[in-house]
Amino acid sequence: MSFYWKRALAAAALSVLAAAPQHAADTRHLTLIEAVHLALAQNRALKIARLKVTENEQKKAGEHSAYFPTLSNQ
C-alpha cells in the first residue's frame, strides 16, 4: 500500500473517531423488546396492512347486513 493511501486511511479513521463522541450523547440504549416495539410502531407498511384488514372487515360486515330484512315507512 502506498504512503498516500495509508495517510488517507489514517485521516479517515481519525475523522470517524473524532466524530464519535459527538454522536455518543445522542444514542439511545434499547432492550430487544423495546426495539421490536419501536420498530412495529414506526413501520408504515405494517400500519397500512392493519388498516386494510380493518377496512376489509368493515366491508364484510356491510355485505352481511344485506342479508337482513329492511323496513320502510311507506
PDB file of N, CA and C in Angstrom:
ATOM      1  N   MET A   1       0.854  -1.175   0.000  1.00  0.00           N
ATOM      2  CA  MET A   1       0.000   0.000   0.000  1.00  0.00           C
ATOM      3  C   MET A   1       0.898   1.234   0.000  1.00  0.00           C
ATOM      4  N   SER A   2       0.593   2.177  -0.810  1.00  0.00           N
ATOM      5  CA  SER A   2       1.438   3.366  -0.904  1.00  0.00           C
ATOM      6  C   SER A   2       1.241   4.260   0.318  1.00  0.00           C
ATOM      7  N   PHE A   3       2.202   5.124   0.511  1.00  0.00           N
ATOM      8  CA  PHE A   3       2.167   6.045   1.643  1.00  0.00           C
ATOM      9  C   PHE A   3       0.937   6.946   1.578  1.00  0.00           C
ATOM     10  N   TYR A   4       0.562   7.375   0.380  1.00  0.00           N
ATOM     11  CA  TYR A   4      -0.598   8.251   0.203  1.00  0.00           C
ATOM     12  C   TYR A   4      -1.874   7.576   0.710  1.00  0.00           C
ATOM     13  N   TRP A   5      -2.070   6.316   0.337  1.00  0.00           N
ATOM     14  CA  TRP A   5      -3.289   5.602   0.736  1.00  0.00           C
ATOM     15  C   TRP A   5      -3.306   5.343   2.228  1.00  0.00           C
ATOM     16  N   LYS A   6      -2.152   5.037   2.805  1.00  0.00           N
ATOM     17  CA  LYS A   6      -2.090   4.825   4.255  1.00  0.00           C
ATOM     18  C   LYS A   6      -2.428   6.107   4.994  1.00  0.00           C
ATOM     19  N   ARG A   7      -1.910   7.215   4.481  1.00  0.00           N
ATOM     20  CA  ARG A   7      -2.180   8.503   5.118  1.00  0.00           C
ATOM     21  C   ARG A   7      -3.666   8.868   4.986  1.00  0.00           C
ATOM     22  N   ALA A   8      -4.248   8.619   3.832  1.00  0.00           N
ATOM     23  CA  ALA A   8      -5.668   8.904   3.626  1.00  0.00           C
ATOM     24  C   ALA A   8      -6.535   8.029   4.517  1.00  0.00           C
ATOM     25  N   LEU A   9      -6.162   6.768   4.645  1.00  0.00           N
ATOM     26  CA  LEU A   9      -6.913   5.853   5.509  1.00  0.00           C
ATOM     27  C   LEU A   9      -6.810   6.271   6.966  1.00  0.00           C
ATOM     28  N   ALA A  10      -5.626   6.691   7.393  1.00  0.00           N
ATOM     29  CA  ALA A  10      -5.439   7.156   8.769  1.00  0.00           C
ATOM     30  C   ALA A  10      -6.253   8.420   9.027  1.00  0.00           C
ATOM     31  N   ALA A  11      -6.280   9.331   8.066  1.00  0.00           N
ATOM     32  CA  ALA A  11      -7.058  10.562   8.216  1.00  0.00           C
ATOM     33  C   ALA A  11      -8.549  10.248   8.299  1.00  0.00           C
ATOM     34  N   ALA A  12      -9.009   9.311   7.493  1.00  0.00           N
ATOM     35  CA  ALA A  12     -10.424   8.929   7.532  1.00  0.00           C
ATOM     36  C   ALA A  12     -10.769   8.283   8.869  1.00  0.00           C
ATOM     37  N   ALA A  13      -9.895   7.435   9.362  1.00  0.00           N
ATOM     38  CA  ALA A  13     -10.136   6.768  10.642  1.00  0.00           C
ATOM     39  C   ALA A  13     -10.166   7.779  11.778  1.00  0.00           C
ATOM     40  N   LEU A  14      -9.266   8.744  11.762  1.00  0.00           N
ATOM     41  CA  LEU A  14      -9.256   9.767  12.807  1.00  0.00           C
ATOM     42  C   LEU A  14     -10.498  10.647  12.751  1.00  0.00           C
ATOM     43  N   SER A  15     -10.974  10.945  11.553  1.00  0.00           N
ATOM     44  CA  SER A  15     -12.180  11.768  11.455  1.00  0.00           C
ATOM     45  C   SER A  15     -13.400  11.025  11.967  1.00  0.00           C
ATOM     46  N   VAL A  16     -13.449   9.720  11.746  1.00  0.00           N
ATOM     47  CA  VAL A  16     -14.558   8.916  12.273  1.00  0.00           C
ATOM     48  C   VAL A  16     -14.489   8.859  13.788  1.00  0.00           C
ATOM     49  N   LEU A  17     -13.302   8.665  14.318  1.00  0.00           N
ATOM     50  CA  LEU A  17     -13.144   8.611  15.773  1.00  0.00           C
ATOM     51  C   LEU A  17     -13.428   9.955  16.426  1.00  0.00           C
ATOM     52  N   ALA A  18     -13.088  11.036  15.758  1.00  0.00           N
ATOM     53  CA  ALA A  18     -13.331  12.368  16.303  1.00  0.00           C
ATOM     54  C   ALA A  18     -14.824  12.683  16.318  1.00  0.00           C
ATOM     55  N   ALA A  19     -15.553  12.172  15.362  1.00  0.00           N
ATOM     56  CA  ALA A  19     -16.987  12.446  15.282  1.00  0.00           C
ATOM     57  C   ALA A  19     -17.794  11.571  16.231  1.00  0.00           C
ATOM     58  N   ALA A  20     -17.247  10.471  16.669  1.00  0.00           N
ATOM     59  CA  ALA A  20     -17.989   9.517  17.501  1.00  0.00           C
ATOM     60  C   ALA A  20     -18.458  10.101  18.828  1.00  0.00           C
ATOM     61  N   PRO A  21     -17.645  10.831  19.594  1.00  0.00           N
ATOM     62  CA  PRO A  21     -18.133  11.342  20.880  1.00  0.00           C
ATOM     63  C   PRO A  21     -19.297  12.304  20.742  1.00  0.00           C
ATOM     64  N   GLN A  22     -19.378  13.047  19.649  1.00  0.00           N
ATOM     65  CA  GLN A  22     -20.497  13.958  19.461  1.00  0.00           C
ATOM     66  C   GLN A  22     -21.805  13.196  19.320  1.00  0.00           C
ATOM     67  N   HIS A  23     -21.772  12.082  18.634  1.00  0.00           N
ATOM     68  CA  HIS A  23     -22.981  11.302  18.417  1.00  0.00           C
ATOM     69  C   HIS A  23     -23.261  10.349  19.563  1.00  0.00           C
ATOM     70  N   ALA A  24     -22.285  10.093  20.400  1.00  0.00           N
ATOM     71  CA  ALA A  24     -22.478   9.157  21.506  1.00  0.00           C
ATOM     72  C   ALA A  24     -23.508   9.686  22.497  1.00  0.00           C
ATOM     73  N   ALA A  25     -23.600  10.993  22.656  1.00  0.00           N
ATOM     74  CA  ALA A  25     -24.576  11.567  23.579  1.00  0.00           C
ATOM     75  C   ALA A  25     -25.993  11.425  23.040  1.00  0.00           C
ATOM     76  N   ASP A  26     -26.128  11.293  21.723  1.00  0.00           N
ATOM     77  CA  ASP A  26     -27.449  11.199  21.108  1.00  0.00           C
ATOM     78  C   ASP A  26     -27.963   9.769  21.018  1.00  0.00           C
ATOM     79  N   THR A  27     -27.147   8.798  21.363  1.00  0.00           N
ATOM     80  CA  THR A  27     -27.573   7.413  21.227  1.00  0.00           C
ATOM     81  C   THR A  27     -28.537   7.040  22.334  1.00  0.00           C
ATOM     82  N   ARG A  28     -29.380   6.098  22.030  1.00  0.00           N
ATOM     83  CA  ARG A  28     -30.375   5.610  22.981  1.00  0.00           C
ATOM     84  C   ARG A  28     -30.200   4.113  23.099  1.00  0.00           C
ATOM     85  N   HIS A  29     -30.042   3.640  24.290  1.00  0.00           N
ATOM     86  CA  HIS A  29     -29.860   2.205  24.513  1.00  0.00           C
ATOM     87  C   HIS A  29     -31.236   1.568  24.699  1.00  0.00           C
ATOM     88  N   LEU A  30     -31.490   0.530  23.923  1.00  0.00           N
ATOM     89  CA  LEU A  30     -32.777  -0.159  23.955  1.00  0.00           C
ATOM     90  C   LEU A  30     -32.571  -1.623  24.284  1.00  0.00           C
ATOM     91  N   THR A  31     -33.559  -2.174  24.923  1.00  0.00           N
ATOM     92  CA  THR A  31     -33.575  -3.627  25.062  1.00  0.00           C
ATOM     93  C   THR A  31     -34.137  -4.198  23.767  1.00  0.00           C
ATOM     94  N   LEU A  32     -34.023  -5.492  23.606  1.00  0.00           N
ATOM     95  CA  LEU A  32     -34.543  -6.123  22.393  1.00  0.00           C
ATOM     96  C   LEU A  32     -36.053  -5.937  22.293  1.00  0.00           C
ATOM     97  N   ILE A  33     -36.737  -6.073  23.388  1.00  0.00           N
ATOM     98  CA  ILE A  33     -38.199  -5.932  23.391  1.00  0.00           C
ATOM     99  C   ILE A  33     -38.593  -4.504  23.030  1.00  0.00           C
ATOM    100  N   GLU A  34     -37.881  -3.510  23.583  1.00  0.00           N
ATOM    101  CA  GLU A  34     -38.175  -2.119  23.249  1.00  0.00           C
ATOM    102  C   GLU A  34     -37.906  -1.837  21.771  1.00  0.00           C
ATOM    103  N   ALA A  35     -36.838  -2.411  21.251  1.00  0.00           N
ATOM    104  CA  ALA A  35     -36.508  -2.208  19.840  1.00  0.00           C
ATOM    105  C   ALA A  35     -37.573  -2.800  18.938  1.00  0.00           C
ATOM    106  N   VAL A  36     -38.072  -3.967  19.289  1.00  0.00           N
ATOM    107  CA  VAL A  36     -39.123  -4.605  18.481  1.00  0.00           C
ATOM    108  C   VAL A  36     -40.400  -3.776  18.535  1.00  0.00           C
ATOM    109  N   HIS A  37     -40.775  -3.322  19.722  1.00  0.00           N
ATOM    110  CA  HIS A  37     -41.987  -2.500  19.845  1.00  0.00           C
ATOM    111  C   HIS A  37     -41.851  -1.189  19.077  1.00  0.00           C
ATOM    112  N   LEU A  38     -40.691  -0.579  19.138  1.00  0.00           N
ATOM    113  CA  LEU A  38     -40.463   0.663  18.408  1.00  0.00           C
ATOM    114  C   LEU A  38     -40.515   0.433  16.902  1.00  0.00           C
ATOM    115  N   ALA A  39     -39.924  -0.649  16.443  1.00  0.00           N
ATOM    116  CA  ALA A  39     -39.941  -0.965  15.014  1.00  0.00           C
ATOM    117  C   ALA A  39     -41.358  -1.223  14.530  1.00  0.00           C
ATOM    118  N   LEU A  40     -42.136  -1.948  15.309  1.00  0.00           N
ATOM    119  CA  LEU A  40     -43.519  -2.225  14.921  1.00  0.00           C
ATOM    120  C   LEU A  40     -44.362  -0.956  14.919  1.00  0.00           C
ATOM    121  N   ALA A  41     -44.116  -0.073  15.865  1.00  0.00           N
ATOM    122  CA  ALA A  41     -44.891   1.171  15.944  1.00  0.00           C
ATOM    123  C   ALA A  41     -44.546   2.116  14.802  1.00  0.00           C
ATOM    124  N   GLN A  42     -43.315   2.093  14.316  1.00  0.00           N
ATOM    125  CA  GLN A  42     -42.874   3.018  13.288  1.00  0.00           C
ATOM    126  C   GLN A  42     -42.978   2.457  11.874  1.00  0.00           C
ATOM    127  N   ASN A  43     -43.371   1.205  11.716  1.00  0.00           N
ATOM    128  CA  ASN A  43     -43.390   0.557  10.412  1.00  0.00           C
ATOM    129  C   ASN A  43     -44.632   0.980   9.631  1.00  0.00           C
ATOM    130  N   ARG A  44     -44.450   1.773   8.596  1.00  0.00           N
ATOM    131  CA  ARG A  44     -45.577   2.261   7.800  1.00  0.00           C
ATOM    132  C   ARG A  44     -46.295   1.145   7.056  1.00  0.00           C
ATOM    133  N   ALA A  45     -45.527   0.226   6.507  1.00  0.00           N
ATOM    134  CA  ALA A  45     -46.133  -0.872   5.751  1.00  0.00           C
ATOM    135  C   ALA A  45     -47.031  -1.705   6.661  1.00  0.00           C
ATOM    136  N   LEU A  46     -46.606  -1.907   7.895  1.00  0.00           N
ATOM    137  CA  LEU A  46     -47.418  -2.673   8.841  1.00  0.00           C
ATOM    138  C   LEU A  46     -48.685  -1.913   9.205  1.00  0.00           C
ATOM    139  N   LYS A  47     -48.576  -0.601   9.390  1.00  0.00           N
ATOM    140  CA  LYS A  47     -49.766   0.209   9.690  1.00  0.00           C
ATOM    141  C   LYS A  47     -50.771   0.139   8.547  1.00  0.00           C
ATOM    142  N   ILE A  48     -50.277   0.237   7.317  1.00  0.00           N
ATOM    143  CA  ILE A  48     -51.157   0.168   6.149  1.00  0.00           C
ATOM    144  C   ILE A  48     -51.825  -1.195   6.064  1.00  0.00           C
ATOM    145  N   ALA A  49     -51.075  -2.253   6.328  1.00  0.00           N
ATOM    146  CA  ALA A  49     -51.639  -3.603   6.274  1.00  0.00           C
ATOM    147  C   ALA A  49     -52.728  -3.773   7.328  1.00  0.00           C
ATOM    148  N   ARG A  50     -52.495  -3.238   8.521  1.00  0.00           N
ATOM    149  CA  ARG A  50     -53.518  -3.338   9.575  1.00  0.00           C
ATOM    150  C   ARG A  50     -54.772  -2.564   9.195  1.00  0.00           C
ATOM    151  N   LEU A  51     -54.597  -1.391   8.596  1.00  0.00           N
ATOM    152  CA  LEU A  51     -55.763  -0.609   8.174  1.00  0.00           C
ATOM    153  C   LEU A  51     -56.535  -1.311   7.063  1.00  0.00           C
ATOM    154  N   LYS A  52     -55.829  -1.993   6.175  1.00  0.00           N
ATOM    155  CA  LYS A  52     -56.513  -2.739   5.118  1.00  0.00           C
ATOM    156  C   LYS A  52     -57.317  -3.893   5.698  1.00  0.00           C
ATOM    157  N   VAL A  53     -56.790  -4.542   6.720  1.00  0.00           N
ATOM    158  CA  VAL A  53     -57.531  -5.620   7.380  1.00  0.00           C
ATOM    159  C   VAL A  53     -58.798  -5.056   7.999  1.00  0.00           C
ATOM    160  N   THR A  54     -58.683  -3.929   8.685  1.00  0.00           N
ATOM    161  CA  THR A  54     -59.857  -3.298   9.296  1.00  0.00           C
ATOM    162  C   THR A  54     -60.864  -2.884   8.231  1.00  0.00           C
ATOM    163  N   GLU A  55     -60.370  -2.343   7.128  1.00  0.00           N
ATOM    164  CA  GLU A  55     -61.253  -1.929   6.037  1.00  0.00           C
ATOM    165  C   GLU A  55     -62.018  -3.130   5.467  1.00  0.00           C
ATOM    166  N   ASN A  56     -61.320  -4.227   5.262  1.00  0.00           N
ATOM    167  CA  ASN A  56     -61.983  -5.420   4.717  1.00  0.00           C
ATOM    168  C   ASN A  56     -62.980  -6.015   5.696  1.00  0.00           C
ATOM    169  N   GLU A  57     -62.682  -5.931   6.994  1.00  0.00           N
ATOM    170  CA  GLU A  57     -63.653  -6.411   7.991  1.00  0.00           C
ATOM    171  C   GLU A  57     -64.920  -5.560   7.942  1.00  0.00           C
ATOM    172  N   GLN A  58     -64.770  -4.259   7.763  1.00  0.00           N
ATOM    173  CA  GLN A  58     -65.931  -3.385   7.679  1.00  0.00           C
ATOM    174  C   GLN A  58     -66.735  -3.650   6.403  1.00  0.00           C
ATOM    175  N   LYS A  59     -66.053  -3.887   5.306  1.00  0.00           N
ATOM    176  CA  LYS A  59     -66.747  -4.231   4.059  1.00  0.00           C
ATOM    177  C   LYS A  59     -67.522  -5.533   4.217  1.00  0.00           C
ATOM    178  N   LYS A  60     -66.903  -6.495   4.878  1.00  0.00           N
ATOM    179  CA  LYS A  60     -67.548  -7.790   5.104  1.00  0.00           C
ATOM    180  C   LYS A  60     -68.797  -7.615   5.961  1.00  0.00           C
ATOM    181  N   ALA A  61     -68.700  -6.795   7.006  1.00  0.00           N
ATOM    182  CA  ALA A  61     -69.866  -6.546   7.863  1.00  0.00           C
ATOM    183  C   ALA A  61     -70.969  -5.855   7.072  1.00  0.00           C
ATOM    184  N   GLY A  62     -70.595  -4.951   6.173  1.00  0.00           N
ATOM    185  CA  GLY A  62     -71.587  -4.282   5.336  1.00  0.00           C
ATOM    186  C   GLY A  62     -72.269  -5.242   4.380  1.00  0.00           C
ATOM    187  N   GLU A  63     -71.515  -6.168   3.830  1.00  0.00           N
ATOM    188  CA  GLU A  63     -72.095  -7.171   2.929  1.00  0.00           C
ATOM    189  C   GLU A  63     -73.026  -8.113   3.687  1.00  0.00           C
ATOM    190  N   HIS A  64     -72.711  -8.441   4.904  1.00  0.00           N
ATOM    191  CA  HIS A  64     -73.573  -9.322   5.692  1.00  0.00           C
ATOM    192  C   HIS A  64     -74.888  -8.633   6.044  1.00  0.00           C
ATOM    193  N   SER A  65     -74.854  -7.316   6.171  1.00  0.00           N
ATOM    194  CA  SER A  65     -76.088  -6.608   6.512  1.00  0.00           C
ATOM    195  C   SER A  65     -77.108  -6.675   5.382  1.00  0.00           C
ATOM    196  N   ALA A  66     -76.682  -6.986   4.173  1.00  0.00           N
ATOM    197  CA  ALA A  66     -77.614  -7.101   3.051  1.00  0.00           C
ATOM    198  C   ALA A  66     -78.523  -8.317   3.203  1.00  0.00           C
ATOM    199  N   TYR A  67     -78.148  -9.268   4.024  1.00  0.00           N
ATOM    200  CA  TYR A  67     -78.968 -10.463   4.232  1.00  0.00           C
ATOM    201  C   TYR A  67     -80.150 -10.201   5.162  1.00  0.00           C
ATOM    202  N   PHE A  68     -80.094  -9.138   5.946  1.00  0.00           N
ATOM    203  CA  PHE A  68     -81.158  -8.834   6.885  1.00  0.00           C
ATOM    204  C   PHE A  68     -82.294  -8.104   6.211  1.00  0.00           C
ATOM    205  N   PRO A  69     -83.503  -8.282   6.673  1.00  0.00           N
ATOM    206  CA  PRO A  69     -84.630  -7.573   6.049  1.00  0.00           C
ATOM    207  C   PRO A  69     -84.552  -6.084   6.342  1.00  0.00           C
ATOM    208  N   THR A  70     -85.094  -5.316   5.450  1.00  0.00           N
ATOM    209  CA  THR A  70     -85.137  -3.869   5.655  1.00  0.00           C
ATOM    210  C   THR A  70     -86.567  -3.447   5.870  1.00  0.00           C
ATOM    211  N   LEU A  71     -86.756  -2.432   6.668  1.00  0.00           N
ATOM    212  CA  LEU A  71     -88.075  -1.907   6.974  1.00  0.00           C
ATOM    213  C   LEU A  71     -88.211  -0.531   6.337  1.00  0.00           C
ATOM    214  N   SER A  72     -89.359  -0.278   5.780  1.00  0.00           N
ATOM    215  CA  SER A  72     -89.595   1.058   5.233  1.00  0.00           C
ATOM    216  C   SER A  72     -90.867   1.615   5.852  1.00  0.00           C
ATOM    217  N   ASN A  73     -90.982   2.885   5.832  1.00  0.00           N
ATOM    218  CA  ASN A  73     -92.121   3.573   6.473  1.00  0.00           C
ATOM    219  C   ASN A  73     -93.100   4.055   5.404  1.00  0.00           C
ATOM    220  N   GLN A  74     -93.486   3.172   4.502  1.00  0.00           N
ATOM    221  CA  GLN A  74     -94.398   3.563   3.436  1.00  0.00           C
ATOM    222  C   GLN A  74     -95.751   2.945   3.630  1.00  0.00           C
TER     223      GLN A  74
END
